[in-house]
Amino acid sequence: MYWKSIILVIILIFIVSVSISAADHNVVIEIEGMTCPLCPVAIKKSLLTVEGVKDVNISLEDKKAWLRVDERVSDALLLKAIERAGPYKGRIRREYR
Protein backbone atom coordinates (compact mmCIF):
# COMPACT_ATOMS: atom_id res chain seq x y z
CA MET A 1 0.00 0.00 0.00
CA TYR A 2 2.81 2.40 0.90
CA TRP A 3 4.58 1.90 -2.44
CA LYS A 4 1.35 2.80 -4.31
CA SER A 5 1.35 6.17 -2.53
CA ILE A 6 4.98 6.75 -3.48
CA ILE A 7 4.29 5.90 -7.12
CA LEU A 8 1.27 8.21 -7.16
CA VAL A 9 3.34 11.08 -5.74
CA ILE A 10 6.07 10.51 -8.34
CA ILE A 11 3.52 10.52 -11.15
CA LEU A 12 1.93 13.72 -9.85
CA ILE A 13 5.31 15.43 -9.58
CA PHE A 14 6.10 14.43 -13.16
CA ILE A 15 2.77 15.75 -14.45
CA VAL A 16 3.18 19.05 -12.62
CA SER A 17 6.76 19.52 -13.82
CA VAL A 18 5.77 18.84 -17.43
CA SER A 19 2.91 21.32 -17.24
CA ILE A 20 5.15 23.95 -15.63
CA SER A 21 7.87 23.63 -18.26
CA ALA A 22 5.26 23.73 -21.03
CA ALA A 23 4.15 27.13 -19.66
CA ASP A 24 7.60 28.66 -20.25
CA HIS A 25 8.26 30.65 -23.36
CA ASN A 26 11.08 32.62 -24.90
CA VAL A 27 11.18 36.35 -25.47
CA VAL A 28 13.66 38.36 -27.53
CA ILE A 29 14.07 42.03 -26.64
CA GLU A 30 16.03 44.66 -28.58
CA ILE A 31 17.70 47.05 -26.14
CA GLU A 32 18.79 50.60 -26.91
CA GLY A 33 21.32 52.48 -24.79
CA MET A 34 23.87 49.77 -23.97
CA THR A 35 27.32 51.29 -24.39
CA CYS A 36 29.74 49.36 -22.15
CA PRO A 37 30.32 45.83 -20.84
CA LEU A 38 28.58 46.65 -17.54
CA CYS A 39 25.27 47.52 -19.24
CA PRO A 40 24.25 43.88 -19.90
CA VAL A 41 25.18 42.98 -16.32
CA ALA A 42 22.92 45.70 -14.88
CA ILE A 43 20.04 44.77 -17.19
CA LYS A 44 20.35 41.05 -16.47
CA LYS A 45 20.38 41.69 -12.72
CA SER A 46 17.24 43.81 -13.02
CA LEU A 47 15.41 41.31 -15.25
CA LEU A 48 16.16 38.45 -12.87
CA THR A 49 14.31 40.32 -10.10
CA VAL A 50 11.05 39.92 -12.06
CA GLU A 51 9.13 36.95 -10.71
CA GLY A 52 8.83 34.32 -13.42
CA VAL A 53 12.01 35.21 -15.32
CA LYS A 54 14.03 32.00 -15.40
CA ASP A 55 16.98 32.68 -17.67
CA VAL A 56 18.52 35.78 -19.28
CA ASN A 57 21.25 36.07 -21.90
CA ILE A 58 22.25 39.50 -23.18
CA SER A 59 24.54 40.46 -26.04
CA LEU A 60 26.11 43.91 -25.99
CA GLU A 61 27.19 43.43 -29.60
CA ASP A 62 23.73 42.43 -30.85
CA LYS A 63 21.93 44.80 -28.47
CA LYS A 64 19.49 42.00 -27.63
CA ALA A 65 18.30 39.97 -24.67
CA TRP A 66 17.02 36.41 -24.87
CA LEU A 67 14.82 35.38 -21.96
CA ARG A 68 13.04 32.25 -20.81
CA VAL A 69 10.04 33.30 -18.78
CA ASP A 70 6.86 31.95 -17.26
CA GLU A 71 3.87 32.71 -19.49
CA ARG A 72 2.39 34.94 -16.77
CA VAL A 73 5.24 37.47 -17.09
CA SER A 74 3.94 40.51 -18.95
CA ASP A 75 5.84 42.48 -21.56
CA ALA A 76 5.30 45.62 -19.49
CA LEU A 77 7.09 44.10 -16.46
CA LEU A 78 10.07 43.13 -18.61
CA LEU A 79 10.32 46.57 -20.21
CA LYS A 80 9.98 48.27 -16.82
CA ALA A 81 12.84 46.14 -15.43
CA ILE A 82 15.07 47.17 -18.33
CA GLU A 83 14.30 50.86 -17.77
CA ARG A 84 14.86 50.45 -14.02
CA ALA A 85 18.42 49.22 -14.73
CA GLY A 86 19.47 52.53 -16.30
CA PRO A 87 18.98 54.70 -19.39
CA TYR A 88 17.84 51.79 -21.54
CA LYS A 89 14.81 51.25 -23.74
CA GLY A 90 13.59 47.80 -24.66
CA ARG A 91 11.38 46.69 -27.50
CA ILE A 92 10.00 43.18 -27.64
CA ARG A 93 10.57 41.97 -31.16
CA ARG A 94 9.70 38.32 -31.11
CA GLU A 95 7.91 35.94 -28.84
CA TYR A 96 7.57 32.26 -29.57
CA ARG A 97 6.62 29.04 -27.80
PDB file of N, CA and C in Angstrom:
ATOM      1  N   MET A   1       0.815  -1.191   0.000  1.00  0.00           N
ATOM      2  CA  MET A   1       0.000   0.000   0.000  1.00  0.00           C
ATOM      3  C   MET A   1       0.865   1.263   0.000  1.00  0.00           C
ATOM      4  N   TYR A   2       1.915   1.256   0.800  1.00  0.00           N
ATOM      5  CA  TYR A   2       2.815   2.402   0.903  1.00  0.00           C
ATOM      6  C   TYR A   2       3.481   2.719  -0.431  1.00  0.00           C
ATOM      7  N   TRP A   3       3.904   1.684  -1.164  1.00  0.00           N
ATOM      8  CA  TRP A   3       4.581   1.899  -2.445  1.00  0.00           C
ATOM      9  C   TRP A   3       3.632   2.469  -3.479  1.00  0.00           C
ATOM     10  N   LYS A   4       2.325   2.203  -3.386  1.00  0.00           N
ATOM     11  CA  LYS A   4       1.351   2.802  -4.306  1.00  0.00           C
ATOM     12  C   LYS A   4       1.273   4.309  -4.086  1.00  0.00           C
ATOM     13  N   SER A   5       1.356   4.734  -2.846  1.00  0.00           N
ATOM     14  CA  SER A   5       1.348   6.166  -2.532  1.00  0.00           C
ATOM     15  C   SER A   5       2.589   6.847  -3.090  1.00  0.00           C
ATOM     16  N   ILE A   6       3.724   6.193  -2.963  1.00  0.00           N
ATOM     17  CA  ILE A   6       4.978   6.752  -3.483  1.00  0.00           C
ATOM     18  C   ILE A   6       4.902   6.870  -4.998  1.00  0.00           C
ATOM     19  N   ILE A   7       4.411   5.858  -5.656  1.00  0.00           N
ATOM     20  CA  ILE A   7       4.295   5.898  -7.123  1.00  0.00           C
ATOM     21  C   ILE A   7       3.335   7.003  -7.543  1.00  0.00           C
ATOM     22  N   LEU A   8       2.228   7.159  -6.849  1.00  0.00           N
ATOM     23  CA  LEU A   8       1.270   8.205  -7.159  1.00  0.00           C
ATOM     24  C   LEU A   8       1.903   9.588  -7.011  1.00  0.00           C
ATOM     25  N   VAL A   9       2.662   9.794  -5.954  1.00  0.00           N
ATOM     26  CA  VAL A   9       3.343  11.079  -5.745  1.00  0.00           C
ATOM     27  C   VAL A   9       4.345  11.339  -6.861  1.00  0.00           C
ATOM     28  N   ILE A  10       5.095  10.344  -7.253  1.00  0.00           N
ATOM     29  CA  ILE A  10       6.072  10.509  -8.336  1.00  0.00           C
ATOM     30  C   ILE A  10       5.368  10.872  -9.642  1.00  0.00           C
ATOM     31  N   ILE A  11       4.273  10.216  -9.926  1.00  0.00           N
ATOM     32  CA  ILE A  11       3.519  10.521 -11.153  1.00  0.00           C
ATOM     33  C   ILE A  11       2.979  11.944 -11.103  1.00  0.00           C
ATOM     34  N   LEU A  12       2.446  12.357  -9.976  1.00  0.00           N
ATOM     35  CA  LEU A  12       1.930  13.721  -9.850  1.00  0.00           C
ATOM     36  C   LEU A  12       3.033  14.760 -10.011  1.00  0.00           C
ATOM     37  N   ILE A  13       4.187  14.509  -9.421  1.00  0.00           N
ATOM     38  CA  ILE A  13       5.313  15.432  -9.576  1.00  0.00           C
ATOM     39  C   ILE A  13       5.711  15.533 -11.037  1.00  0.00           C
ATOM     40  N   PHE A  14       5.760  14.426 -11.740  1.00  0.00           N
ATOM     41  CA  PHE A  14       6.104  14.427 -13.156  1.00  0.00           C
ATOM     42  C   PHE A  14       5.087  15.229 -13.958  1.00  0.00           C
ATOM     43  N   ILE A  15       3.812  15.028 -13.715  1.00  0.00           N
ATOM     44  CA  ILE A  15       2.771  15.751 -14.452  1.00  0.00           C
ATOM     45  C   ILE A  15       2.861  17.249 -14.199  1.00  0.00           C
ATOM     46  N   VAL A  16       3.062  17.632 -12.952  1.00  0.00           N
ATOM     47  CA  VAL A  16       3.178  19.049 -12.621  1.00  0.00           C
ATOM     48  C   VAL A  16       4.418  19.652 -13.264  1.00  0.00           C
ATOM     49  N   SER A  17       5.542  18.966 -13.229  1.00  0.00           N
ATOM     50  CA  SER A  17       6.764  19.515 -13.815  1.00  0.00           C
ATOM     51  C   SER A  17       6.641  19.656 -15.327  1.00  0.00           C
ATOM     52  N   VAL A  18       5.975  18.734 -15.983  1.00  0.00           N
ATOM     53  CA  VAL A  18       5.772  18.838 -17.432  1.00  0.00           C
ATOM     54  C   VAL A  18       4.869  20.015 -17.742  1.00  0.00           C
ATOM     55  N   SER A  19       3.814  20.209 -16.970  1.00  0.00           N
ATOM     56  CA  SER A  19       2.910  21.322 -17.245  1.00  0.00           C
ATOM     57  C   SER A  19       3.576  22.662 -16.946  1.00  0.00           C
ATOM     58  N   ILE A  20       4.436  22.698 -15.940  1.00  0.00           N
ATOM     59  CA  ILE A  20       5.146  23.946 -15.633  1.00  0.00           C
ATOM     60  C   ILE A  20       6.127  24.281 -16.746  1.00  0.00           C
ATOM     61  N   SER A  21       6.903  23.326 -17.210  1.00  0.00           N
ATOM     62  CA  SER A  21       7.874  23.628 -18.257  1.00  0.00           C
ATOM     63  C   SER A  21       7.185  23.962 -19.568  1.00  0.00           C
ATOM     64  N   ALA A  22       5.998  23.420 -19.810  1.00  0.00           N
ATOM     65  CA  ALA A  22       5.260  23.732 -21.026  1.00  0.00           C
ATOM     66  C   ALA A  22       4.765  25.179 -20.984  1.00  0.00           C
ATOM     67  N   ALA A  23       4.643  25.763 -19.787  1.00  0.00           N
ATOM     68  CA  ALA A  23       4.153  27.128 -19.656  1.00  0.00           C
ATOM     69  C   ALA A  23       5.257  28.159 -19.888  1.00  0.00           C
ATOM     70  N   ASP A  24       6.501  27.733 -19.974  1.00  0.00           N
ATOM     71  CA  ASP A  24       7.595  28.661 -20.245  1.00  0.00           C
ATOM     72  C   ASP A  24       7.596  29.055 -21.714  1.00  0.00           C
ATOM     73  N   HIS A  25       8.048  30.263 -21.984  1.00  0.00           N
ATOM     74  CA  HIS A  25       8.258  30.654 -23.365  1.00  0.00           C
ATOM     75  C   HIS A  25       9.447  31.594 -23.450  1.00  0.00           C
ATOM     76  N   ASN A  26       9.901  31.809 -24.650  1.00  0.00           N
ATOM     77  CA  ASN A  26      11.084  32.622 -24.897  1.00  0.00           C
ATOM     78  C   ASN A  26      10.684  33.981 -25.446  1.00  0.00           C
ATOM     79  N   VAL A  27      11.431  34.985 -25.028  1.00  0.00           N
ATOM     80  CA  VAL A  27      11.183  36.354 -25.472  1.00  0.00           C
ATOM     81  C   VAL A  27      12.520  36.940 -25.927  1.00  0.00           C
ATOM     82  N   VAL A  28      12.484  37.640 -27.043  1.00  0.00           N
ATOM     83  CA  VAL A  28      13.660  38.357 -27.534  1.00  0.00           C
ATOM     84  C   VAL A  28      13.359  39.847 -27.448  1.00  0.00           C
ATOM     85  N   ILE A  29      14.267  40.593 -26.821  1.00  0.00           N
ATOM     86  CA  ILE A  29      14.072  42.032 -26.644  1.00  0.00           C
ATOM     87  C   ILE A  29      15.261  42.780 -27.235  1.00  0.00           C
ATOM     88  N   GLU A  30      14.988  43.741 -28.102  1.00  0.00           N
ATOM     89  CA  GLU A  30      16.032  44.658 -28.577  1.00  0.00           C
ATOM     90  C   GLU A  30      16.187  45.747 -27.518  1.00  0.00           C
ATOM     91  N   ILE A  31      17.439  46.081 -27.202  1.00  0.00           N
ATOM     92  CA  ILE A  31      17.701  47.047 -26.136  1.00  0.00           C
ATOM     93  C   ILE A  31      18.558  48.186 -26.678  1.00  0.00           C
ATOM     94  N   GLU A  32      18.052  49.399 -26.526  1.00  0.00           N
ATOM     95  CA  GLU A  32      18.795  50.600 -26.910  1.00  0.00           C
ATOM     96  C   GLU A  32      19.471  51.189 -25.675  1.00  0.00           C
ATOM     97  N   GLY A  33      20.646  51.756 -25.860  1.00  0.00           N
ATOM     98  CA  GLY A  33      21.319  52.476 -24.788  1.00  0.00           C
ATOM     99  C   GLY A  33      22.480  51.739 -24.137  1.00  0.00           C
ATOM    100  N   MET A  34      22.729  50.493 -24.546  1.00  0.00           N
ATOM    101  CA  MET A  34      23.867  49.771 -23.971  1.00  0.00           C
ATOM    102  C   MET A  34      25.146  50.254 -24.646  1.00  0.00           C
ATOM    103  N   THR A  35      26.093  50.719 -23.823  1.00  0.00           N
ATOM    104  CA  THR A  35      27.317  51.288 -24.385  1.00  0.00           C
ATOM    105  C   THR A  35      28.599  50.660 -23.847  1.00  0.00           C
ATOM    106  N   CYS A  36      28.520  49.915 -22.748  1.00  0.00           N
ATOM    107  CA  CYS A  36      29.736  49.357 -22.154  1.00  0.00           C
ATOM    108  C   CYS A  36      29.458  47.941 -21.652  1.00  0.00           C
ATOM    109  N   PRO A  37      30.501  47.209 -21.304  1.00  0.00           N
ATOM    110  CA  PRO A  37      30.318  45.831 -20.841  1.00  0.00           C
ATOM    111  C   PRO A  37      29.508  45.681 -19.548  1.00  0.00           C
ATOM    112  N   LEU A  38      29.358  46.739 -18.768  1.00  0.00           N
ATOM    113  CA  LEU A  38      28.581  46.654 -17.540  1.00  0.00           C
ATOM    114  C   LEU A  38      27.077  46.790 -17.788  1.00  0.00           C
ATOM    115  N   CYS A  39      26.695  47.336 -18.933  1.00  0.00           N
ATOM    116  CA  CYS A  39      25.275  47.516 -19.242  1.00  0.00           C
ATOM    117  C   CYS A  39      24.510  46.184 -19.227  1.00  0.00           C
ATOM    118  N   PRO A  40      24.979  45.150 -19.937  1.00  0.00           N
ATOM    119  CA  PRO A  40      24.247  43.881 -19.897  1.00  0.00           C
ATOM    120  C   PRO A  40      24.162  43.283 -18.494  1.00  0.00           C
ATOM    121  N   VAL A  41      25.182  43.501 -17.691  1.00  0.00           N
ATOM    122  CA  VAL A  41      25.183  42.976 -16.322  1.00  0.00           C
ATOM    123  C   VAL A  41      24.070  43.640 -15.508  1.00  0.00           C
ATOM    124  N   ALA A  42      23.949  44.957 -15.615  1.00  0.00           N
ATOM    125  CA  ALA A  42      22.920  45.695 -14.876  1.00  0.00           C
ATOM    126  C   ALA A  42      21.523  45.297 -15.343  1.00  0.00           C
ATOM    127  N   ILE A  43      21.351  45.136 -16.650  1.00  0.00           N
ATOM    128  CA  ILE A  43      20.040  44.773 -17.191  1.00  0.00           C
ATOM    129  C   ILE A  43      19.666  43.349 -16.773  1.00  0.00           C
ATOM    130  N   LYS A  44      20.615  42.432 -16.857  1.00  0.00           N
ATOM    131  CA  LYS A  44      20.346  41.050 -16.466  1.00  0.00           C
ATOM    132  C   LYS A  44      19.946  40.978 -14.995  1.00  0.00           C
ATOM    133  N   LYS A  45      20.673  41.684 -14.155  1.00  0.00           N
ATOM    134  CA  LYS A  45      20.379  41.694 -12.721  1.00  0.00           C
ATOM    135  C   LYS A  45      18.959  42.205 -12.477  1.00  0.00           C
ATOM    136  N   SER A  46      18.572  43.248 -13.177  1.00  0.00           N
ATOM    137  CA  SER A  46      17.239  43.812 -13.017  1.00  0.00           C
ATOM    138  C   SER A  46      16.161  42.859 -13.536  1.00  0.00           C
ATOM    139  N   LEU A  47      16.391  42.239 -14.687  1.00  0.00           N
ATOM    140  CA  LEU A  47      15.414  41.309 -15.253  1.00  0.00           C
ATOM    141  C   LEU A  47      15.209  40.090 -14.354  1.00  0.00           C
ATOM    142  N   LEU A  48      16.268  39.626 -13.731  1.00  0.00           N
ATOM    143  CA  LEU A  48      16.163  38.446 -12.866  1.00  0.00           C
ATOM    144  C   LEU A  48      15.384  38.727 -11.580  1.00  0.00           C
ATOM    145  N   THR A  49      15.134  40.000 -11.263  1.00  0.00           N
ATOM    146  CA  THR A  49      14.307  40.321 -10.097  1.00  0.00           C
ATOM    147  C   THR A  49      12.819  40.180 -10.404  1.00  0.00           C
ATOM    148  N   VAL A  50      12.461  40.079 -11.676  1.00  0.00           N
ATOM    149  CA  VAL A  50      11.055  39.920 -12.062  1.00  0.00           C
ATOM    150  C   VAL A  50      10.640  38.473 -11.802  1.00  0.00           C
ATOM    151  N   GLU A  51       9.603  38.297 -11.012  1.00  0.00           N
ATOM    152  CA  GLU A  51       9.128  36.949 -10.708  1.00  0.00           C
ATOM    153  C   GLU A  51       8.662  36.264 -11.994  1.00  0.00           C
ATOM    154  N   GLY A  52       9.196  35.077 -12.228  1.00  0.00           N
ATOM    155  CA  GLY A  52       8.833  34.318 -13.424  1.00  0.00           C
ATOM    156  C   GLY A  52       9.892  34.336 -14.504  1.00  0.00           C
ATOM    157  N   VAL A  53      10.887  35.216 -14.371  1.00  0.00           N
ATOM    158  CA  VAL A  53      12.014  35.211 -15.320  1.00  0.00           C
ATOM    159  C   VAL A  53      12.968  34.118 -14.874  1.00  0.00           C
ATOM    160  N   LYS A  54      13.249  33.175 -15.765  1.00  0.00           N
ATOM    161  CA  LYS A  54      14.034  32.000 -15.396  1.00  0.00           C
ATOM    162  C   LYS A  54      15.445  32.008 -15.949  1.00  0.00           C
ATOM    163  N   ASP A  55      15.646  32.657 -17.076  1.00  0.00           N
ATOM    164  CA  ASP A  55      16.981  32.678 -17.672  1.00  0.00           C
ATOM    165  C   ASP A  55      17.097  33.924 -18.534  1.00  0.00           C
ATOM    166  N   VAL A  56      18.276  34.561 -18.494  1.00  0.00           N
ATOM    167  CA  VAL A  56      18.516  35.775 -19.278  1.00  0.00           C
ATOM    168  C   VAL A  56      19.896  35.689 -19.896  1.00  0.00           C
ATOM    169  N   ASN A  57      19.981  35.946 -21.189  1.00  0.00           N
ATOM    170  CA  ASN A  57      21.254  36.074 -21.896  1.00  0.00           C
ATOM    171  C   ASN A  57      21.200  37.370 -22.681  1.00  0.00           C
ATOM    172  N   ILE A  58      22.239  38.189 -22.529  1.00  0.00           N
ATOM    173  CA  ILE A  58      22.252  39.497 -23.183  1.00  0.00           C
ATOM    174  C   ILE A  58      23.533  39.654 -23.975  1.00  0.00           C
ATOM    175  N   SER A  59      23.395  40.190 -25.179  1.00  0.00           N
ATOM    176  CA  SER A  59      24.539  40.457 -26.038  1.00  0.00           C
ATOM    177  C   SER A  59      24.688  41.966 -26.230  1.00  0.00           C
ATOM    178  N   LEU A  60      25.812  42.499 -25.777  1.00  0.00           N
ATOM    179  CA  LEU A  60      26.111  43.910 -25.990  1.00  0.00           C
ATOM    180  C   LEU A  60      26.280  44.180 -27.481  1.00  0.00           C
ATOM    181  N   GLU A  61      26.946  43.271 -28.170  1.00  0.00           N
ATOM    182  CA  GLU A  61      27.193  43.430 -29.604  1.00  0.00           C
ATOM    183  C   GLU A  61      25.897  43.448 -30.417  1.00  0.00           C
ATOM    184  N   ASP A  62      24.990  42.529 -30.111  1.00  0.00           N
ATOM    185  CA  ASP A  62      23.729  42.435 -30.854  1.00  0.00           C
ATOM    186  C   ASP A  62      22.659  43.380 -30.323  1.00  0.00           C
ATOM    187  N   LYS A  63      22.904  43.928 -29.128  1.00  0.00           N
ATOM    188  CA  LYS A  63      21.926  44.800 -28.473  1.00  0.00           C
ATOM    189  C   LYS A  63      20.595  44.080 -28.265  1.00  0.00           C
ATOM    190  N   LYS A  64      20.682  42.805 -27.840  1.00  0.00           N
ATOM    191  CA  LYS A  64      19.486  42.000 -27.633  1.00  0.00           C
ATOM    192  C   LYS A  64      19.588  41.197 -26.343  1.00  0.00           C
ATOM    193  N   ALA A  65      18.409  40.870 -25.822  1.00  0.00           N
ATOM    194  CA  ALA A  65      18.297  39.974 -24.666  1.00  0.00           C
ATOM    195  C   ALA A  65      17.400  38.814 -25.058  1.00  0.00           C
ATOM    196  N   TRP A  66      17.808  37.621 -24.652  1.00  0.00           N
ATOM    197  CA  TRP A  66      17.016  36.412 -24.867  1.00  0.00           C
ATOM    198  C   TRP A  66      16.623  35.909 -23.492  1.00  0.00           C
ATOM    199  N   LEU A  67      15.323  35.759 -23.267  1.00  0.00           N
ATOM    200  CA  LEU A  67      14.823  35.377 -21.959  1.00  0.00           C
ATOM    201  C   LEU A  67      13.962  34.124 -22.060  1.00  0.00           C
ATOM    202  N   ARG A  68      13.999  33.333 -20.992  1.00  0.00           N
ATOM    203  CA  ARG A  68      13.038  32.246 -20.808  1.00  0.00           C
ATOM    204  C   ARG A  68      12.219  32.643 -19.596  1.00  0.00           C
ATOM    205  N   VAL A  69      10.913  32.787 -19.827  1.00  0.00           N
ATOM    206  CA  VAL A  69      10.037  33.298 -18.777  1.00  0.00           C
ATOM    207  C   VAL A  69       8.788  32.439 -18.645  1.00  0.00           C
ATOM    208  N   ASP A  70       8.156  32.562 -17.495  1.00  0.00           N
ATOM    209  CA  ASP A  70       6.855  31.955 -17.265  1.00  0.00           C
ATOM    210  C   ASP A  70       5.850  32.726 -18.123  1.00  0.00           C
ATOM    211  N   GLU A  71       4.827  32.050 -18.607  1.00  0.00           N
ATOM    212  CA  GLU A  71       3.874  32.706 -19.494  1.00  0.00           C
ATOM    213  C   GLU A  71       3.090  33.827 -18.817  1.00  0.00           C
ATOM    214  N   ARG A  72       3.112  33.871 -17.492  1.00  0.00           N
ATOM    215  CA  ARG A  72       2.395  34.935 -16.774  1.00  0.00           C
ATOM    216  C   ARG A  72       3.174  36.243 -16.716  1.00  0.00           C
ATOM    217  N   VAL A  73       4.430  36.255 -17.124  1.00  0.00           N
ATOM    218  CA  VAL A  73       5.236  37.472 -17.092  1.00  0.00           C
ATOM    219  C   VAL A  73       4.800  38.374 -18.242  1.00  0.00           C
ATOM    220  N   SER A  74       4.417  39.588 -17.918  1.00  0.00           N
ATOM    221  CA  SER A  74       3.939  40.507 -18.953  1.00  0.00           C
ATOM    222  C   SER A  74       5.099  41.246 -19.609  1.00  0.00           C
ATOM    223  N   ASP A  75       4.846  41.676 -20.840  1.00  0.00           N
ATOM    224  CA  ASP A  75       5.837  42.477 -21.560  1.00  0.00           C
ATOM    225  C   ASP A  75       6.147  43.757 -20.791  1.00  0.00           C
ATOM    226  N   ALA A  76       5.117  44.358 -20.215  1.00  0.00           N
ATOM    227  CA  ALA A  76       5.295  45.616 -19.487  1.00  0.00           C
ATOM    228  C   ALA A  76       6.257  45.452 -18.310  1.00  0.00           C
ATOM    229  N   LEU A  77       6.165  44.341 -17.587  1.00  0.00           N
ATOM    230  CA  LEU A  77       7.088  44.100 -16.463  1.00  0.00           C
ATOM    231  C   LEU A  77       8.526  43.976 -16.945  1.00  0.00           C
ATOM    232  N   LEU A  78       8.716  43.290 -18.067  1.00  0.00           N
ATOM    233  CA  LEU A  78      10.070  43.126 -18.611  1.00  0.00           C
ATOM    234  C   LEU A  78      10.638  44.468 -19.046  1.00  0.00           C
ATOM    235  N   LEU A  79       9.845  45.262 -19.736  1.00  0.00           N
ATOM    236  CA  LEU A  79      10.324  46.566 -20.211  1.00  0.00           C
ATOM    237  C   LEU A  79      10.598  47.510 -19.042  1.00  0.00           C
ATOM    238  N   LYS A  80       9.771  47.442 -18.011  1.00  0.00           N
ATOM    239  CA  LYS A  80       9.984  48.274 -16.825  1.00  0.00           C
ATOM    240  C   LYS A  80      11.284  47.886 -16.125  1.00  0.00           C
ATOM    241  N   ALA A  81      11.592  46.589 -16.064  1.00  0.00           N
ATOM    242  CA  ALA A  81      12.837  46.135 -15.431  1.00  0.00           C
ATOM    243  C   ALA A  81      14.052  46.640 -16.203  1.00  0.00           C
ATOM    244  N   ILE A  82      13.960  46.659 -17.519  1.00  0.00           N
ATOM    245  CA  ILE A  82      15.066  47.171 -18.334  1.00  0.00           C
ATOM    246  C   ILE A  82      15.273  48.656 -18.062  1.00  0.00           C
ATOM    247  N   GLU A  83      14.194  49.420 -18.033  1.00  0.00           N
ATOM    248  CA  GLU A  83      14.301  50.858 -17.773  1.00  0.00           C
ATOM    249  C   GLU A  83      14.784  51.145 -16.356  1.00  0.00           C
ATOM    250  N   ARG A  84      14.422  50.281 -15.414  1.00  0.00           N
ATOM    251  CA  ARG A  84      14.861  50.447 -14.021  1.00  0.00           C
ATOM    252  C   ARG A  84      16.380  50.265 -13.885  1.00  0.00           C
ATOM    253  N   ALA A  85      16.988  49.501 -14.804  1.00  0.00           N
ATOM    254  CA  ALA A  85      18.424  49.224 -14.731  1.00  0.00           C
ATOM    255  C   ALA A  85      19.275  50.426 -15.140  1.00  0.00           C
ATOM    256  N   GLY A  86      18.700  51.380 -15.838  1.00  0.00           N
ATOM    257  CA  GLY A  86      19.472  52.531 -16.300  1.00  0.00           C
ATOM    258  C   GLY A  86      18.799  53.199 -17.492  1.00  0.00           C
ATOM    259  N   PRO A  87      19.568  53.950 -18.261  1.00  0.00           N
ATOM    260  CA  PRO A  87      18.981  54.703 -19.386  1.00  0.00           C
ATOM    261  C   PRO A  87      18.774  53.812 -20.623  1.00  0.00           C
ATOM    262  N   TYR A  88      18.026  52.757 -20.455  1.00  0.00           N
ATOM    263  CA  TYR A  88      17.836  51.787 -21.538  1.00  0.00           C
ATOM    264  C   TYR A  88      16.376  51.745 -21.951  1.00  0.00           C
ATOM    265  N   LYS A  89      16.157  51.445 -23.203  1.00  0.00           N
ATOM    266  CA  LYS A  89      14.810  51.254 -23.742  1.00  0.00           C
ATOM    267  C   LYS A  89      14.761  49.896 -24.406  1.00  0.00           C
ATOM    268  N   GLY A  90      13.756  49.125 -24.067  1.00  0.00           N
ATOM    269  CA  GLY A  90      13.592  47.804 -24.659  1.00  0.00           C
ATOM    270  C   GLY A  90      12.397  47.772 -25.591  1.00  0.00           C
ATOM    271  N   ARG A  91      12.494  46.899 -26.575  1.00  0.00           N
ATOM    272  CA  ARG A  91      11.383  46.693 -27.503  1.00  0.00           C
ATOM    273  C   ARG A  91      11.293  45.202 -27.784  1.00  0.00           C
ATOM    274  N   ILE A  92      10.179  44.613 -27.425  1.00  0.00           N
ATOM    275  CA  ILE A  92       9.997  43.183 -27.643  1.00  0.00           C
ATOM    276  C   ILE A  92       9.738  42.955 -29.111  1.00  0.00           C
ATOM    277  N   ARG A  93      10.627  42.171 -29.713  1.00  0.00           N
ATOM    278  CA  ARG A  93      10.566  41.968 -31.156  1.00  0.00           C
ATOM    279  C   ARG A  93       9.958  40.637 -31.537  1.00  0.00           C
ATOM    280  N   ARG A  94      10.156  39.646 -30.711  1.00  0.00           N
ATOM    281  CA  ARG A  94       9.705  38.320 -31.114  1.00  0.00           C
ATOM    282  C   ARG A  94       9.390  37.508 -29.863  1.00  0.00           C
ATOM    283  N   GLU A  95       8.311  36.811 -29.938  1.00  0.00           N
ATOM    284  CA  GLU A  95       7.914  35.945 -28.843  1.00  0.00           C
ATOM    285  C   GLU A  95       7.442  34.647 -29.458  1.00  0.00           C
ATOM    286  N   TYR A  96       7.954  33.542 -28.988  1.00  0.00           N
ATOM    287  CA  TYR A  96       7.566  32.258 -29.567  1.00  0.00           C
ATOM    288  C   TYR A  96       7.517  31.201 -28.484  1.00  0.00           C
ATOM    289  N   ARG A  97       6.761  30.159 -28.751  1.00  0.00           N
ATOM    290  CA  ARG A  97       6.625  29.039 -27.802  1.00  0.00           C
ATOM    291  C   ARG A  97       7.511  27.919 -28.207  1.00  0.00           C
TER     292      ARG A  97
END
